[in-house]
Amino acid sequence: MMSTASRPQPRSEVTRGHLLDAALAEFAASGFEAASTRAIAARAGVHQPQINYHFASKDELWRAAVDHLFARLDATLAPAELLSGRERLERTIRLFVRFAADHPELNRIMMHEATSASERLDWLVDHHVRERFHTMASMFVTTAHADVDPLVLYYTFVGAASLLSANAPEGRRLTGREPTAATVVDAHANLLIAMMLTPPPGDLP
């Protein structure tokens, strides 16, 4: 008998997963307003009515896709939660940089949504960002930066960790190199660890 863990997913679940991945790519590329369900269906290789079968609206699809993305992030960062102190923070930085390289849509969607007030931004902050802000800021403050504003710490980290991957096409054009290559990601993480875990000189606001 085939075990539960090894059973293939029902076709509807597979289709839903394809739609979520396609939605992430489309929302990252175009933003919520400009993204169309027709384009999402085309990316997923399905007919547009299948979106309506799985999701009641474009907004529901957007929220489900964002939930899907943050669930992946949580799964990626989970091994670091078994550690503590500096070791946990270093591991979190490495895992986050790798995730940002593998999923540039995270930063791109956040940039679309975070630059102006909206119900979607409120939902993002309430459901995903606020808890992560407090967790990351607490780790930095207790490990290396007790005197630095947590707001500054959080956005310095997130920006430095994700911009290279979000702007990967520019990096390729500038250097002819692949910004998501393992050697680049490792160098990126090493530099970020050195920068973020070294207490700053003097007094900062």
N, C-alpha and C. Protein backbone atom coordinates (compact mmCIF):
# COMPACT_ATOMS: atom_id res chain seq x y z
N MET A 1 0.85 -1.20 0.00
CA MET A 1 0.00 0.00 0.00
C MET A 1 0.88 1.25 0.00
N MET A 2 0.51 2.23 -0.81
CA MET A 2 1.28 3.46 -0.88
C MET A 2 1.04 4.28 0.38
N SER A 3 2.12 4.77 1.00
CA SER A 3 1.98 5.57 2.22
C SER A 3 1.34 6.90 1.89
N THR A 4 0.74 7.52 2.94
CA THR A 4 0.10 8.82 2.76
C THR A 4 1.08 9.85 2.26
N ALA A 5 2.32 9.82 2.79
CA ALA A 5 3.32 10.82 2.44
C ALA A 5 3.72 10.73 0.98
N SER A 6 3.63 9.51 0.39
CA SER A 6 4.11 9.33 -0.97
C SER A 6 2.99 9.36 -2.01
N ARG A 7 1.75 9.53 -1.58
CA ARG A 7 0.66 9.58 -2.54
C ARG A 7 0.75 10.84 -3.39
N PRO A 8 0.48 10.72 -4.68
CA PRO A 8 0.47 11.93 -5.50
C PRO A 8 -0.67 12.85 -5.09
N GLN A 9 -0.44 14.15 -5.23
CA GLN A 9 -1.48 15.12 -4.90
C GLN A 9 -2.62 15.02 -5.90
N PRO A 10 -3.85 15.24 -5.45
CA PRO A 10 -4.95 15.34 -6.40
C PRO A 10 -4.67 16.43 -7.43
N ARG A 11 -5.21 16.23 -8.64
CA ARG A 11 -4.92 17.17 -9.71
C ARG A 11 -5.31 18.60 -9.34
N SER A 12 -6.42 18.77 -8.61
CA SER A 12 -6.86 20.11 -8.26
C SER A 12 -5.85 20.81 -7.36
N GLU A 13 -5.20 20.05 -6.45
CA GLU A 13 -4.19 20.64 -5.58
C GLU A 13 -2.95 21.02 -6.38
N VAL A 14 -2.58 20.19 -7.34
CA VAL A 14 -1.43 20.51 -8.19
C VAL A 14 -1.72 21.77 -8.99
N THR A 15 -2.92 21.85 -9.56
CA THR A 15 -3.29 23.04 -10.33
C THR A 15 -3.28 24.28 -9.45
N ARG A 16 -3.81 24.15 -8.24
CA ARG A 16 -3.81 25.29 -7.32
C ARG A 16 -2.38 25.74 -7.02
N GLY A 17 -1.48 24.79 -6.82
CA GLY A 17 -0.08 25.14 -6.57
C GLY A 17 0.55 25.87 -7.75
N HIS A 18 0.25 25.40 -8.97
CA HIS A 18 0.76 26.07 -10.16
C HIS A 18 0.22 27.50 -10.25
N LEU A 19 -1.05 27.66 -9.91
CA LEU A 19 -1.65 29.00 -9.95
C LEU A 19 -1.01 29.93 -8.93
N LEU A 20 -0.72 29.43 -7.75
CA LEU A 20 -0.07 30.26 -6.73
C LEU A 20 1.31 30.70 -7.18
N ASP A 21 2.08 29.77 -7.75
CA ASP A 21 3.42 30.13 -8.23
C ASP A 21 3.34 31.13 -9.38
N ALA A 22 2.39 30.91 -10.29
CA ALA A 22 2.22 31.83 -11.41
C ALA A 22 1.76 33.19 -10.93
N ALA A 23 0.89 33.21 -9.94
CA ALA A 23 0.41 34.49 -9.39
C ALA A 23 1.55 35.26 -8.75
N LEU A 24 2.41 34.58 -8.01
CA LEU A 24 3.55 35.25 -7.41
C LEU A 24 4.43 35.90 -8.47
N ALA A 25 4.70 35.17 -9.53
CA ALA A 25 5.53 35.72 -10.60
C ALA A 25 4.87 36.92 -11.25
N GLU A 26 3.57 36.84 -11.49
CA GLU A 26 2.87 37.94 -12.17
C GLU A 26 2.72 39.15 -11.25
N PHE A 27 2.36 38.94 -10.00
CA PHE A 27 2.22 40.06 -9.07
C PHE A 27 3.58 40.72 -8.82
N ALA A 28 4.64 39.93 -8.79
CA ALA A 28 5.98 40.49 -8.61
C ALA A 28 6.39 41.33 -9.81
N ALA A 29 6.04 40.87 -10.99
CA ALA A 29 6.44 41.58 -12.21
C ALA A 29 5.60 42.83 -12.46
N SER A 30 4.31 42.76 -12.18
CA SER A 30 3.40 43.82 -12.62
C SER A 30 2.73 44.59 -11.49
N GLY A 31 2.76 44.07 -10.27
CA GLY A 31 1.98 44.67 -9.20
C GLY A 31 0.54 44.19 -9.26
N PHE A 32 -0.18 44.39 -8.16
CA PHE A 32 -1.54 43.86 -8.08
C PHE A 32 -2.46 44.46 -9.13
N GLU A 33 -2.45 45.77 -9.26
CA GLU A 33 -3.41 46.44 -10.14
C GLU A 33 -3.20 46.05 -11.60
N ALA A 34 -1.96 45.98 -12.03
CA ALA A 34 -1.67 45.70 -13.44
C ALA A 34 -1.72 44.21 -13.78
N ALA A 35 -1.56 43.37 -12.79
CA ALA A 35 -1.58 41.93 -13.05
C ALA A 35 -2.99 41.50 -13.47
N SER A 36 -3.05 40.59 -14.40
CA SER A 36 -4.35 40.09 -14.87
C SER A 36 -4.46 38.60 -14.62
N THR A 37 -5.67 38.15 -14.36
CA THR A 37 -5.87 36.72 -14.17
C THR A 37 -5.62 35.95 -15.46
N ARG A 38 -5.82 36.62 -16.59
CA ARG A 38 -5.52 35.98 -17.87
C ARG A 38 -4.02 35.67 -17.97
N ALA A 39 -3.19 36.64 -17.57
CA ALA A 39 -1.74 36.43 -17.62
C ALA A 39 -1.31 35.37 -16.62
N ILE A 40 -1.94 35.35 -15.46
CA ILE A 40 -1.62 34.34 -14.45
C ILE A 40 -1.97 32.95 -14.96
N ALA A 41 -3.14 32.81 -15.57
CA ALA A 41 -3.53 31.52 -16.12
C ALA A 41 -2.55 31.07 -17.20
N ALA A 42 -2.12 32.01 -18.04
CA ALA A 42 -1.17 31.67 -19.09
C ALA A 42 0.16 31.20 -18.50
N ARG A 43 0.63 31.88 -17.46
CA ARG A 43 1.87 31.45 -16.81
C ARG A 43 1.73 30.04 -16.23
N ALA A 44 0.55 29.75 -15.69
CA ALA A 44 0.31 28.45 -15.06
C ALA A 44 0.01 27.35 -16.07
N GLY A 45 -0.26 27.74 -17.31
CA GLY A 45 -0.59 26.76 -18.34
C GLY A 45 -1.97 26.16 -18.17
N VAL A 46 -2.91 26.98 -17.66
CA VAL A 46 -4.28 26.50 -17.45
C VAL A 46 -5.25 27.49 -18.09
N HIS A 47 -6.52 27.10 -18.15
CA HIS A 47 -7.54 28.00 -18.65
C HIS A 47 -7.98 28.96 -17.54
N GLN A 48 -8.33 30.17 -17.92
CA GLN A 48 -8.68 31.19 -16.94
C GLN A 48 -9.81 30.77 -15.99
N PRO A 49 -10.85 30.06 -16.44
CA PRO A 49 -11.91 29.65 -15.51
C PRO A 49 -11.42 28.81 -14.33
N GLN A 50 -10.25 28.18 -14.47
CA GLN A 50 -9.73 27.40 -13.36
C GLN A 50 -9.32 28.29 -12.19
N ILE A 51 -8.96 29.54 -12.47
CA ILE A 51 -8.68 30.48 -11.38
C ILE A 51 -9.95 30.72 -10.59
N ASN A 52 -11.06 30.93 -11.31
CA ASN A 52 -12.33 31.19 -10.63
C ASN A 52 -12.79 29.98 -9.81
N TYR A 53 -12.41 28.80 -10.23
CA TYR A 53 -12.76 27.59 -9.48
C TYR A 53 -12.05 27.55 -8.13
N HIS A 54 -10.80 27.99 -8.12
CA HIS A 54 -9.99 27.89 -6.90
C HIS A 54 -10.05 29.15 -6.03
N PHE A 55 -10.29 30.31 -6.64
CA PHE A 55 -10.22 31.57 -5.91
C PHE A 55 -11.40 32.46 -6.29
N ALA A 56 -12.04 33.05 -5.29
CA ALA A 56 -13.25 33.83 -5.53
C ALA A 56 -12.97 35.16 -6.20
N SER A 57 -11.74 35.67 -6.08
CA SER A 57 -11.42 36.98 -6.64
C SER A 57 -9.91 37.09 -6.82
N LYS A 58 -9.48 38.13 -7.54
CA LYS A 58 -8.05 38.38 -7.69
C LYS A 58 -7.42 38.69 -6.34
N ASP A 59 -8.15 39.41 -5.50
CA ASP A 59 -7.63 39.73 -4.17
C ASP A 59 -7.41 38.46 -3.35
N GLU A 60 -8.36 37.53 -3.42
CA GLU A 60 -8.19 36.27 -2.68
C GLU A 60 -6.99 35.49 -3.22
N LEU A 61 -6.80 35.51 -4.52
CA LEU A 61 -5.64 34.84 -5.12
C LEU A 61 -4.35 35.49 -4.64
N TRP A 62 -4.32 36.83 -4.62
CA TRP A 62 -3.13 37.54 -4.16
C TRP A 62 -2.79 37.15 -2.73
N ARG A 63 -3.78 37.15 -1.85
CA ARG A 63 -3.53 36.82 -0.44
C ARG A 63 -3.07 35.37 -0.29
N ALA A 64 -3.69 34.47 -1.03
CA ALA A 64 -3.28 33.07 -0.95
C ALA A 64 -1.85 32.89 -1.46
N ALA A 65 -1.49 33.62 -2.52
CA ALA A 65 -0.13 33.53 -3.05
C ALA A 65 0.89 34.07 -2.06
N VAL A 66 0.56 35.19 -1.42
CA VAL A 66 1.48 35.77 -0.43
C VAL A 66 1.61 34.84 0.78
N ASP A 67 0.50 34.27 1.24
CA ASP A 67 0.56 33.28 2.32
C ASP A 67 1.48 32.12 1.94
N HIS A 68 1.33 31.66 0.71
CA HIS A 68 2.13 30.56 0.18
C HIS A 68 3.62 30.91 0.21
N LEU A 69 3.96 32.13 -0.18
CA LEU A 69 5.35 32.57 -0.21
C LEU A 69 5.94 32.67 1.20
N PHE A 70 5.19 33.25 2.12
CA PHE A 70 5.71 33.38 3.48
C PHE A 70 5.78 32.02 4.19
N ALA A 71 4.91 31.10 3.83
CA ALA A 71 5.02 29.74 4.38
C ALA A 71 6.33 29.09 3.93
N ARG A 72 6.71 29.33 2.69
CA ARG A 72 7.99 28.83 2.20
C ARG A 72 9.15 29.48 2.96
N LEU A 73 9.04 30.79 3.20
CA LEU A 73 10.08 31.48 3.96
C LEU A 73 10.21 30.88 5.36
N ASP A 74 9.08 30.66 6.03
CA ASP A 74 9.12 30.09 7.37
C ASP A 74 9.77 28.71 7.36
N ALA A 75 9.45 27.90 6.36
CA ALA A 75 10.04 26.56 6.27
C ALA A 75 11.54 26.64 6.04
N THR A 76 11.97 27.62 5.26
CA THR A 76 13.39 27.80 4.99
C THR A 76 14.15 28.21 6.24
N LEU A 77 13.56 29.11 7.03
CA LEU A 77 14.24 29.64 8.21
C LEU A 77 14.13 28.73 9.43
N ALA A 78 13.28 27.72 9.36
CA ALA A 78 13.01 26.88 10.53
C ALA A 78 14.26 26.26 11.15
N PRO A 79 15.25 25.78 10.37
CA PRO A 79 16.44 25.19 11.01
C PRO A 79 17.17 26.14 11.94
N ALA A 80 17.13 27.43 11.65
CA ALA A 80 17.82 28.40 12.51
C ALA A 80 17.17 28.51 13.88
N GLU A 81 15.89 28.19 13.96
CA GLU A 81 15.18 28.32 15.23
C GLU A 81 15.63 27.30 16.27
N LEU A 82 16.36 26.29 15.82
CA LEU A 82 16.89 25.29 16.75
C LEU A 82 18.16 25.78 17.44
N LEU A 83 18.70 26.91 16.97
CA LEU A 83 19.94 27.46 17.50
C LEU A 83 19.63 28.64 18.42
N SER A 84 20.67 29.26 18.93
CA SER A 84 20.47 30.41 19.81
C SER A 84 21.61 31.40 19.64
N GLY A 85 21.37 32.63 20.10
CA GLY A 85 22.40 33.66 20.12
C GLY A 85 22.96 33.98 18.74
N ARG A 86 24.26 34.22 18.69
CA ARG A 86 24.93 34.61 17.45
C ARG A 86 24.80 33.53 16.38
N GLU A 87 24.89 32.27 16.80
CA GLU A 87 24.79 31.17 15.85
C GLU A 87 23.43 31.19 15.14
N ARG A 88 22.38 31.45 15.88
CA ARG A 88 21.05 31.52 15.27
C ARG A 88 20.96 32.67 14.29
N LEU A 89 21.50 33.82 14.66
CA LEU A 89 21.42 34.98 13.78
C LEU A 89 22.21 34.77 12.50
N GLU A 90 23.42 34.22 12.62
CA GLU A 90 24.22 33.94 11.43
C GLU A 90 23.48 32.98 10.50
N ARG A 91 22.92 31.93 11.07
CA ARG A 91 22.20 30.94 10.25
C ARG A 91 20.98 31.57 9.60
N THR A 92 20.27 32.41 10.33
CA THR A 92 19.11 33.09 9.77
C THR A 92 19.50 33.97 8.59
N ILE A 93 20.59 34.71 8.73
CA ILE A 93 21.05 35.57 7.64
C ILE A 93 21.37 34.74 6.41
N ARG A 94 22.11 33.65 6.58
CA ARG A 94 22.47 32.81 5.43
C ARG A 94 21.22 32.24 4.75
N LEU A 95 20.30 31.75 5.54
CA LEU A 95 19.10 31.16 4.97
C LEU A 95 18.24 32.20 4.28
N PHE A 96 18.16 33.39 4.85
CA PHE A 96 17.34 34.44 4.24
C PHE A 96 17.94 34.91 2.93
N VAL A 97 19.26 35.08 2.88
CA VAL A 97 19.90 35.51 1.63
C VAL A 97 19.68 34.47 0.54
N ARG A 98 19.79 33.19 0.89
CA ARG A 98 19.54 32.14 -0.09
C ARG A 98 18.09 32.15 -0.56
N PHE A 99 17.17 32.35 0.39
CA PHE A 99 15.75 32.40 0.03
C PHE A 99 15.49 33.58 -0.90
N ALA A 100 16.06 34.73 -0.59
CA ALA A 100 15.86 35.91 -1.44
C ALA A 100 16.38 35.67 -2.84
N ALA A 101 17.48 34.93 -2.96
CA ALA A 101 18.02 34.61 -4.28
C ALA A 101 17.11 33.65 -5.04
N ASP A 102 16.53 32.70 -4.32
CA ASP A 102 15.65 31.71 -4.96
C ASP A 102 14.25 32.27 -5.23
N HIS A 103 13.85 33.28 -4.45
CA HIS A 103 12.49 33.82 -4.55
C HIS A 103 12.52 35.35 -4.59
N PRO A 104 13.05 35.92 -5.66
CA PRO A 104 13.11 37.39 -5.74
C PRO A 104 11.74 38.05 -5.74
N GLU A 105 10.70 37.25 -5.99
CA GLU A 105 9.35 37.81 -5.98
C GLU A 105 8.97 38.35 -4.60
N LEU A 106 9.60 37.86 -3.54
CA LEU A 106 9.28 38.38 -2.20
C LEU A 106 9.59 39.87 -2.12
N ASN A 107 10.81 40.25 -2.46
CA ASN A 107 11.18 41.66 -2.40
C ASN A 107 10.41 42.48 -3.42
N ARG A 108 10.18 41.93 -4.59
CA ARG A 108 9.49 42.69 -5.64
C ARG A 108 8.03 42.96 -5.26
N ILE A 109 7.36 41.98 -4.69
CA ILE A 109 5.98 42.20 -4.23
C ILE A 109 5.96 43.21 -3.10
N MET A 110 6.89 43.10 -2.17
CA MET A 110 6.93 44.05 -1.06
C MET A 110 7.18 45.46 -1.56
N MET A 111 8.01 45.62 -2.56
CA MET A 111 8.27 46.96 -3.09
C MET A 111 7.03 47.52 -3.78
N HIS A 112 6.27 46.68 -4.45
CA HIS A 112 5.02 47.15 -5.05
C HIS A 112 4.05 47.62 -3.97
N GLU A 113 3.97 46.88 -2.88
CA GLU A 113 2.93 47.14 -1.88
C GLU A 113 3.34 48.12 -0.79
N ALA A 114 4.62 48.18 -0.46
CA ALA A 114 5.05 48.93 0.73
C ALA A 114 5.23 50.42 0.49
N THR A 115 5.14 50.86 -0.75
CA THR A 115 5.42 52.26 -1.05
C THR A 115 4.19 53.16 -0.96
N SER A 116 3.02 52.60 -0.74
CA SER A 116 1.82 53.43 -0.58
C SER A 116 0.82 52.71 0.31
N ALA A 117 0.04 53.50 1.05
CA ALA A 117 -0.94 52.91 1.97
C ALA A 117 -2.06 52.22 1.19
N SER A 118 -2.47 51.06 1.68
CA SER A 118 -3.57 50.32 1.04
C SER A 118 -4.05 49.25 2.00
N GLU A 119 -5.21 48.66 1.68
CA GLU A 119 -5.70 47.55 2.48
C GLU A 119 -4.78 46.34 2.37
N ARG A 120 -4.16 46.17 1.20
CA ARG A 120 -3.24 45.05 1.05
C ARG A 120 -2.01 45.24 1.94
N LEU A 121 -1.50 46.46 2.01
CA LEU A 121 -0.35 46.71 2.89
C LEU A 121 -0.73 46.46 4.34
N ASP A 122 -1.91 46.94 4.75
CA ASP A 122 -2.37 46.68 6.12
C ASP A 122 -2.40 45.18 6.40
N TRP A 123 -2.94 44.43 5.45
CA TRP A 123 -3.04 42.98 5.62
C TRP A 123 -1.65 42.35 5.70
N LEU A 124 -0.73 42.79 4.82
CA LEU A 124 0.63 42.26 4.84
C LEU A 124 1.30 42.48 6.19
N VAL A 125 1.20 43.71 6.69
CA VAL A 125 1.83 44.03 7.96
C VAL A 125 1.21 43.21 9.09
N ASP A 126 -0.11 43.16 9.12
CA ASP A 126 -0.80 42.47 10.21
C ASP A 126 -0.58 40.96 10.19
N HIS A 127 -0.51 40.37 9.01
CA HIS A 127 -0.45 38.92 8.91
C HIS A 127 0.97 38.37 8.78
N HIS A 128 1.91 39.17 8.28
CA HIS A 128 3.23 38.62 7.99
C HIS A 128 4.41 39.47 8.45
N VAL A 129 4.35 40.76 8.28
CA VAL A 129 5.55 41.57 8.46
C VAL A 129 5.81 41.91 9.92
N ARG A 130 4.78 42.29 10.66
CA ARG A 130 5.00 42.79 12.02
C ARG A 130 5.69 41.75 12.90
N GLU A 131 5.24 40.53 12.88
CA GLU A 131 5.85 39.49 13.71
C GLU A 131 7.31 39.27 13.32
N ARG A 132 7.58 39.26 12.02
CA ARG A 132 8.96 39.05 11.56
C ARG A 132 9.84 40.24 11.91
N PHE A 133 9.28 41.44 11.86
CA PHE A 133 10.02 42.62 12.27
C PHE A 133 10.48 42.49 13.71
N HIS A 134 9.57 42.14 14.60
CA HIS A 134 9.92 42.03 16.01
C HIS A 134 10.93 40.91 16.26
N THR A 135 10.77 39.80 15.56
CA THR A 135 11.69 38.67 15.74
C THR A 135 13.10 39.03 15.30
N MET A 136 13.23 39.59 14.07
CA MET A 136 14.55 39.93 13.56
C MET A 136 15.19 41.05 14.36
N ALA A 137 14.42 42.08 14.67
CA ALA A 137 14.97 43.21 15.43
C ALA A 137 15.46 42.74 16.79
N SER A 138 14.71 41.86 17.43
CA SER A 138 15.11 41.35 18.73
C SER A 138 16.42 40.58 18.65
N MET A 139 16.57 39.77 17.61
CA MET A 139 17.81 39.01 17.46
C MET A 139 19.01 39.93 17.28
N PHE A 140 18.85 40.96 16.44
CA PHE A 140 19.96 41.89 16.21
C PHE A 140 20.28 42.69 17.47
N VAL A 141 19.26 43.17 18.16
CA VAL A 141 19.48 43.99 19.35
C VAL A 141 20.17 43.19 20.45
N THR A 142 19.74 41.97 20.67
CA THR A 142 20.31 41.17 21.76
C THR A 142 21.68 40.60 21.41
N THR A 143 22.00 40.51 20.11
CA THR A 143 23.27 39.90 19.71
C THR A 143 24.38 40.91 19.49
N ALA A 144 24.08 42.04 18.84
CA ALA A 144 25.18 42.93 18.46
C ALA A 144 24.85 44.41 18.47
N HIS A 145 23.59 44.78 18.53
CA HIS A 145 23.24 46.19 18.29
C HIS A 145 22.23 46.71 19.31
N ALA A 146 22.57 46.62 20.56
CA ALA A 146 21.64 47.03 21.61
C ALA A 146 21.29 48.51 21.55
N ASP A 147 22.18 49.33 20.97
CA ASP A 147 21.96 50.78 20.98
C ASP A 147 21.43 51.33 19.66
N VAL A 148 21.10 50.46 18.73
CA VAL A 148 20.64 50.90 17.41
C VAL A 148 19.12 50.75 17.30
N ASP A 149 18.49 51.72 16.68
CA ASP A 149 17.04 51.71 16.49
C ASP A 149 16.63 50.43 15.75
N PRO A 150 15.73 49.62 16.31
CA PRO A 150 15.30 48.39 15.64
C PRO A 150 14.72 48.62 14.24
N LEU A 151 14.07 49.76 14.04
CA LEU A 151 13.54 50.07 12.71
C LEU A 151 14.66 50.16 11.69
N VAL A 152 15.75 50.82 12.07
CA VAL A 152 16.91 50.95 11.18
C VAL A 152 17.55 49.58 10.95
N LEU A 153 17.69 48.81 12.00
CA LEU A 153 18.28 47.48 11.87
C LEU A 153 17.50 46.60 10.90
N TYR A 154 16.19 46.57 11.07
CA TYR A 154 15.36 45.68 10.26
C TYR A 154 15.44 46.02 8.78
N TYR A 155 15.27 47.29 8.45
CA TYR A 155 15.26 47.64 7.03
C TYR A 155 16.65 47.64 6.42
N THR A 156 17.68 47.88 7.22
CA THR A 156 19.04 47.72 6.72
C THR A 156 19.29 46.27 6.34
N PHE A 157 18.86 45.36 7.19
CA PHE A 157 19.05 43.94 6.91
C PHE A 157 18.25 43.48 5.70
N VAL A 158 16.95 43.76 5.70
CA VAL A 158 16.09 43.28 4.62
C VAL A 158 16.55 43.84 3.28
N GLY A 159 16.86 45.13 3.24
CA GLY A 159 17.30 45.73 1.99
C GLY A 159 18.62 45.14 1.51
N ALA A 160 19.59 45.04 2.42
CA ALA A 160 20.89 44.51 2.04
C ALA A 160 20.82 43.04 1.64
N ALA A 161 19.91 42.30 2.26
CA ALA A 161 19.81 40.87 1.98
C ALA A 161 19.10 40.56 0.68
N SER A 162 18.21 41.43 0.23
CA SER A 162 17.33 41.06 -0.88
C SER A 162 17.49 41.90 -2.15
N LEU A 163 18.13 43.05 -2.08
CA LEU A 163 18.17 43.92 -3.26
C LEU A 163 18.95 43.31 -4.41
N LEU A 164 20.07 42.66 -4.13
CA LEU A 164 20.87 42.06 -5.20
C LEU A 164 20.05 41.06 -5.99
N SER A 165 19.29 40.23 -5.31
CA SER A 165 18.49 39.23 -6.00
C SER A 165 17.31 39.85 -6.73
N ALA A 166 16.66 40.82 -6.10
CA ALA A 166 15.53 41.49 -6.75
C ALA A 166 15.97 42.22 -8.00
N ASN A 167 17.20 42.74 -7.99
CA ASN A 167 17.75 43.46 -9.13
C ASN A 167 18.72 42.60 -9.94
N ALA A 168 18.52 41.30 -9.91
CA ALA A 168 19.43 40.38 -10.59
C ALA A 168 19.62 40.69 -12.07
N PRO A 169 18.57 41.08 -12.83
CA PRO A 169 18.80 41.42 -14.23
C PRO A 169 19.82 42.56 -14.41
N GLU A 170 19.76 43.55 -13.52
CA GLU A 170 20.74 44.63 -13.58
C GLU A 170 22.14 44.11 -13.28
N GLY A 171 22.25 43.25 -12.26
CA GLY A 171 23.55 42.69 -11.91
C GLY A 171 24.15 41.88 -13.05
N ARG A 172 23.30 41.12 -13.75
CA ARG A 172 23.79 40.35 -14.89
C ARG A 172 24.29 41.27 -15.99
N ARG A 173 23.56 42.34 -16.23
CA ARG A 173 23.93 43.30 -17.27
C ARG A 173 25.23 44.01 -16.92
N LEU A 174 25.40 44.33 -15.65
CA LEU A 174 26.60 45.06 -15.22
C LEU A 174 27.85 44.21 -15.30
N THR A 175 27.75 42.94 -14.90
CA THR A 175 28.95 42.13 -14.70
C THR A 175 29.04 40.89 -15.57
N GLY A 176 27.92 40.48 -16.18
CA GLY A 176 27.93 39.23 -16.90
C GLY A 176 27.94 38.01 -15.99
N ARG A 177 27.75 38.24 -14.70
CA ARG A 177 27.75 37.15 -13.73
C ARG A 177 26.32 36.84 -13.29
N GLU A 178 26.15 35.68 -12.66
CA GLU A 178 24.83 35.26 -12.18
C GLU A 178 24.71 35.61 -10.69
N PRO A 179 23.89 36.61 -10.33
CA PRO A 179 23.78 37.02 -8.93
C PRO A 179 23.23 35.95 -7.99
N THR A 180 22.54 34.95 -8.54
CA THR A 180 21.97 33.91 -7.68
C THR A 180 22.84 32.66 -7.60
N ALA A 181 24.04 32.71 -8.21
CA ALA A 181 24.95 31.57 -8.12
C ALA A 181 25.37 31.33 -6.68
N ALA A 182 25.65 30.09 -6.34
CA ALA A 182 25.97 29.74 -4.96
C ALA A 182 27.17 30.52 -4.44
N THR A 183 28.19 30.71 -5.28
CA THR A 183 29.37 31.44 -4.82
C THR A 183 29.04 32.90 -4.50
N VAL A 184 28.18 33.51 -5.29
CA VAL A 184 27.78 34.89 -5.05
C VAL A 184 26.91 34.98 -3.80
N VAL A 185 25.98 34.06 -3.66
CA VAL A 185 25.10 34.06 -2.49
C VAL A 185 25.91 33.87 -1.21
N ASP A 186 26.89 32.96 -1.25
CA ASP A 186 27.73 32.75 -0.07
C ASP A 186 28.53 34.00 0.27
N ALA A 187 29.10 34.64 -0.75
CA ALA A 187 29.86 35.87 -0.50
C ALA A 187 28.96 36.97 0.03
N HIS A 188 27.76 37.05 -0.51
CA HIS A 188 26.77 38.03 -0.06
C HIS A 188 26.45 37.81 1.42
N ALA A 189 26.17 36.58 1.79
CA ALA A 189 25.83 36.26 3.18
C ALA A 189 27.01 36.52 4.11
N ASN A 190 28.22 36.16 3.67
CA ASN A 190 29.40 36.39 4.50
C ASN A 190 29.60 37.87 4.79
N LEU A 191 29.46 38.70 3.77
CA LEU A 191 29.62 40.14 3.96
C LEU A 191 28.54 40.70 4.87
N LEU A 192 27.31 40.24 4.67
CA LEU A 192 26.21 40.75 5.48
C LEU A 192 26.39 40.36 6.95
N ILE A 193 26.86 39.15 7.19
CA ILE A 193 27.12 38.73 8.57
C ILE A 193 28.21 39.60 9.19
N ALA A 194 29.28 39.84 8.44
CA ALA A 194 30.36 40.68 8.97
C ALA A 194 29.87 42.09 9.27
N MET A 195 29.02 42.62 8.41
CA MET A 195 28.51 43.97 8.61
C MET A 195 27.50 44.05 9.75
N MET A 196 26.57 43.12 9.77
CA MET A 196 25.44 43.23 10.68
C MET A 196 25.75 42.72 12.09
N LEU A 197 26.78 41.91 12.24
CA LEU A 197 27.09 41.39 13.56
C LEU A 197 28.27 42.08 14.22
N THR A 198 28.75 43.15 13.59
CA THR A 198 29.81 43.95 14.18
C THR A 198 29.21 45.20 14.79
N PRO A 199 29.38 45.44 16.09
CA PRO A 199 28.82 46.65 16.70
C PRO A 199 29.35 47.90 16.02
N PRO A 200 28.50 48.88 15.75
CA PRO A 200 28.93 50.09 15.07
C PRO A 200 29.81 50.95 15.96
N PRO A 201 30.74 51.71 15.37
CA PRO A 201 31.58 52.60 16.18
C PRO A 201 30.81 53.82 16.63
N GLY A 202 31.10 54.30 17.82
CA GLY A 202 30.48 55.54 18.29
C GLY A 202 29.02 55.38 18.61
N ASP A 203 28.36 56.49 18.78
CA ASP A 203 26.94 56.52 19.13
C ASP A 203 26.10 56.74 17.89
N LEU A 204 25.09 55.90 17.71
CA LEU A 204 24.15 56.05 16.62
C LEU A 204 22.78 56.32 17.20
N PRO A 205 21.93 57.04 16.46
CA PRO A 205 20.58 57.33 16.98
C PRO A 205 19.75 56.07 17.09
